[in-house]
Amino acid sequence: MDTRKLEALLTAVELGSFTRAAEVLGYTQSGLTHMMNSLEKDCCCRAGRWAATFPKTSWPPCWG
């Protein structure tokens, strides 16, 4: 697994936005979306959907 994908996910969670995370990390939003899709395949879960709803949930839905 590529640690850049995890860094991007954590940045998106911290900032509450994939667009802002892409700007901070120097990626396009499309590039970050592709990274999240790849991370989801690596983890067999919906990482992007979890990140987008993180403040509302206490546990990622892909684990339960």
N, C-alpha and C. Protein backbone atom coordinates (compact mmCIF):
# COMPACT_ATOMS: atom_id res chain seq x y z
N MET A 1 0.85 -1.18 0.00
CA MET A 1 0.00 0.00 0.00
C MET A 1 0.90 1.25 0.00
N ASP A 2 0.49 2.20 -0.76
CA ASP A 2 1.23 3.45 -0.91
C ASP A 2 0.86 4.41 0.23
N THR A 3 1.84 4.84 0.99
CA THR A 3 1.56 5.73 2.13
C THR A 3 1.05 7.09 1.68
N ARG A 4 1.30 7.50 0.43
CA ARG A 4 0.77 8.78 -0.05
C ARG A 4 -0.75 8.77 -0.07
N LYS A 5 -1.32 7.61 -0.33
CA LYS A 5 -2.78 7.50 -0.33
C LYS A 5 -3.34 7.70 1.07
N LEU A 6 -2.67 7.12 2.05
CA LEU A 6 -3.11 7.28 3.44
C LEU A 6 -2.94 8.72 3.90
N GLU A 7 -1.83 9.33 3.51
CA GLU A 7 -1.61 10.74 3.85
C GLU A 7 -2.70 11.61 3.24
N ALA A 8 -3.07 11.33 2.01
CA ALA A 8 -4.12 12.10 1.34
C ALA A 8 -5.45 11.92 2.05
N LEU A 9 -5.77 10.70 2.46
CA LEU A 9 -7.01 10.44 3.17
C LEU A 9 -7.03 11.19 4.51
N LEU A 10 -5.95 11.10 5.25
CA LEU A 10 -5.88 11.79 6.54
C LEU A 10 -5.98 13.30 6.38
N THR A 11 -5.36 13.83 5.35
CA THR A 11 -5.43 15.27 5.09
C THR A 11 -6.86 15.67 4.75
N ALA A 12 -7.54 14.86 3.95
CA ALA A 12 -8.94 15.15 3.60
C ALA A 12 -9.83 15.13 4.85
N VAL A 13 -9.58 14.19 5.73
CA VAL A 13 -10.36 14.11 6.97
C VAL A 13 -10.08 15.34 7.83
N GLU A 14 -8.82 15.69 7.98
CA GLU A 14 -8.45 16.85 8.80
C GLU A 14 -9.04 18.14 8.27
N LEU A 15 -9.00 18.30 6.96
CA LEU A 15 -9.48 19.55 6.34
C LEU A 15 -10.97 19.52 6.04
N GLY A 16 -11.56 18.34 6.04
CA GLY A 16 -12.98 18.21 5.77
C GLY A 16 -13.35 18.40 4.32
N SER A 17 -12.36 18.27 3.42
CA SER A 17 -12.63 18.51 2.00
C SER A 17 -11.56 17.84 1.15
N PHE A 18 -12.01 17.11 0.12
CA PHE A 18 -11.05 16.54 -0.81
C PHE A 18 -10.42 17.63 -1.67
N THR A 19 -11.18 18.65 -1.99
CA THR A 19 -10.65 19.75 -2.81
C THR A 19 -9.54 20.47 -2.08
N ARG A 20 -9.75 20.80 -0.82
CA ARG A 20 -8.71 21.49 -0.05
C ARG A 20 -7.50 20.59 0.18
N ALA A 21 -7.75 19.31 0.42
CA ALA A 21 -6.65 18.37 0.61
C ALA A 21 -5.80 18.29 -0.66
N ALA A 22 -6.45 18.25 -1.82
CA ALA A 22 -5.71 18.21 -3.08
C ALA A 22 -4.85 19.45 -3.24
N GLU A 23 -5.41 20.62 -2.91
CA GLU A 23 -4.65 21.87 -3.02
C GLU A 23 -3.44 21.86 -2.10
N VAL A 24 -3.63 21.44 -0.86
CA VAL A 24 -2.55 21.43 0.13
C VAL A 24 -1.45 20.45 -0.28
N LEU A 25 -1.84 19.30 -0.81
CA LEU A 25 -0.87 18.27 -1.16
C LEU A 25 -0.28 18.44 -2.56
N GLY A 26 -0.81 19.38 -3.32
CA GLY A 26 -0.27 19.63 -4.66
C GLY A 26 -0.80 18.70 -5.73
N TYR A 27 -1.99 18.15 -5.53
CA TYR A 27 -2.64 17.29 -6.51
C TYR A 27 -3.84 18.02 -7.11
N THR A 28 -4.30 17.55 -8.25
CA THR A 28 -5.59 18.01 -8.75
C THR A 28 -6.66 17.24 -7.98
N GLN A 29 -7.88 17.76 -7.98
CA GLN A 29 -8.95 17.04 -7.30
C GLN A 29 -9.18 15.70 -7.99
N SER A 30 -9.07 15.68 -9.29
CA SER A 30 -9.24 14.43 -10.04
C SER A 30 -8.16 13.42 -9.64
N GLY A 31 -6.93 13.89 -9.51
CA GLY A 31 -5.84 13.01 -9.10
C GLY A 31 -6.06 12.43 -7.72
N LEU A 32 -6.55 13.27 -6.80
CA LEU A 32 -6.83 12.79 -5.45
C LEU A 32 -7.98 11.79 -5.45
N THR A 33 -8.98 12.03 -6.27
CA THR A 33 -10.09 11.09 -6.39
C THR A 33 -9.60 9.74 -6.88
N HIS A 34 -8.70 9.74 -7.85
CA HIS A 34 -8.13 8.48 -8.35
C HIS A 34 -7.35 7.77 -7.24
N MET A 35 -6.63 8.55 -6.43
CA MET A 35 -5.89 7.95 -5.32
C MET A 35 -6.85 7.30 -4.32
N MET A 36 -7.96 7.97 -4.02
CA MET A 36 -8.92 7.42 -3.07
C MET A 36 -9.59 6.17 -3.64
N ASN A 37 -9.89 6.17 -4.94
CA ASN A 37 -10.45 4.97 -5.56
C ASN A 37 -9.48 3.80 -5.47
N SER A 38 -8.21 4.09 -5.68
CA SER A 38 -7.18 3.06 -5.57
C SER A 38 -7.04 2.56 -4.14
N LEU A 39 -7.10 3.49 -3.18
CA LEU A 39 -7.02 3.11 -1.76
C LEU A 39 -8.20 2.22 -1.38
N GLU A 40 -9.38 2.56 -1.88
CA GLU A 40 -10.56 1.74 -1.60
C GLU A 40 -10.37 0.32 -2.13
N LYS A 41 -9.78 0.18 -3.30
CA LYS A 41 -9.53 -1.15 -3.85
C LYS A 41 -8.48 -1.88 -3.02
N ASP A 42 -7.45 -1.16 -2.58
CA ASP A 42 -6.40 -1.77 -1.75
C ASP A 42 -6.97 -2.28 -0.44
N CYS A 43 -7.88 -1.52 0.16
CA CYS A 43 -8.43 -1.84 1.49
C CYS A 43 -9.74 -2.61 1.42
N CYS A 44 -10.30 -2.76 0.25
CA CYS A 44 -11.61 -3.40 0.09
C CYS A 44 -12.67 -2.69 0.93
N CYS A 45 -12.62 -1.36 0.94
CA CYS A 45 -13.63 -0.59 1.68
C CYS A 45 -13.85 0.74 0.97
N ARG A 46 -14.77 1.51 1.50
CA ARG A 46 -15.11 2.81 0.92
C ARG A 46 -14.44 3.93 1.70
N ALA A 47 -13.15 4.09 1.53
CA ALA A 47 -12.39 5.08 2.29
C ALA A 47 -12.87 6.49 2.03
N GLY A 48 -13.14 6.81 0.78
CA GLY A 48 -13.58 8.15 0.44
C GLY A 48 -14.92 8.51 1.05
N ARG A 49 -15.84 7.59 1.04
CA ARG A 49 -17.15 7.87 1.64
C ARG A 49 -17.02 8.03 3.14
N TRP A 50 -16.15 7.24 3.76
CA TRP A 50 -15.93 7.38 5.19
C TRP A 50 -15.31 8.73 5.50
N ALA A 51 -14.33 9.15 4.73
CA ALA A 51 -13.68 10.45 4.96
C ALA A 51 -14.66 11.59 4.82
N ALA A 52 -15.55 11.48 3.86
CA ALA A 52 -16.52 12.56 3.62
C ALA A 52 -17.52 12.69 4.76
N THR A 53 -17.77 11.59 5.48
CA THR A 53 -18.75 11.62 6.56
C THR A 53 -18.11 11.50 7.93
N PHE A 54 -16.80 11.57 8.00
CA PHE A 54 -16.07 11.34 9.25
C PHE A 54 -16.61 12.10 10.45
N PRO A 55 -16.88 13.40 10.34
CA PRO A 55 -17.36 14.10 11.53
C PRO A 55 -18.69 13.57 12.06
N LYS A 56 -19.45 12.88 11.21
CA LYS A 56 -20.77 12.39 11.62
C LYS A 56 -20.73 10.96 12.13
N THR A 57 -19.63 10.25 11.92
CA THR A 57 -19.57 8.85 12.31
C THR A 57 -18.39 8.63 13.25
N SER A 58 -18.52 7.62 14.08
CA SER A 58 -17.43 7.31 14.99
C SER A 58 -16.67 6.07 14.54
N TRP A 59 -17.15 5.42 13.49
CA TRP A 59 -16.50 4.20 13.02
C TRP A 59 -16.69 4.12 11.51
N PRO A 60 -15.66 3.83 10.76
CA PRO A 60 -15.83 3.75 9.30
C PRO A 60 -16.80 2.65 8.90
N PRO A 61 -17.78 2.95 8.06
CA PRO A 61 -18.77 1.95 7.67
C PRO A 61 -18.18 0.76 6.95
N CYS A 62 -17.00 0.90 6.39
CA CYS A 62 -16.41 -0.23 5.67
C CYS A 62 -15.91 -1.31 6.64
N TRP A 63 -15.80 -1.00 7.92
CA TRP A 63 -15.32 -1.99 8.89
C TRP A 63 -16.47 -2.76 9.52
N GLY A 64 -17.65 -2.21 9.49
CA GLY A 64 -18.75 -2.85 10.20
C GLY A 64 -19.70 -3.47 9.29
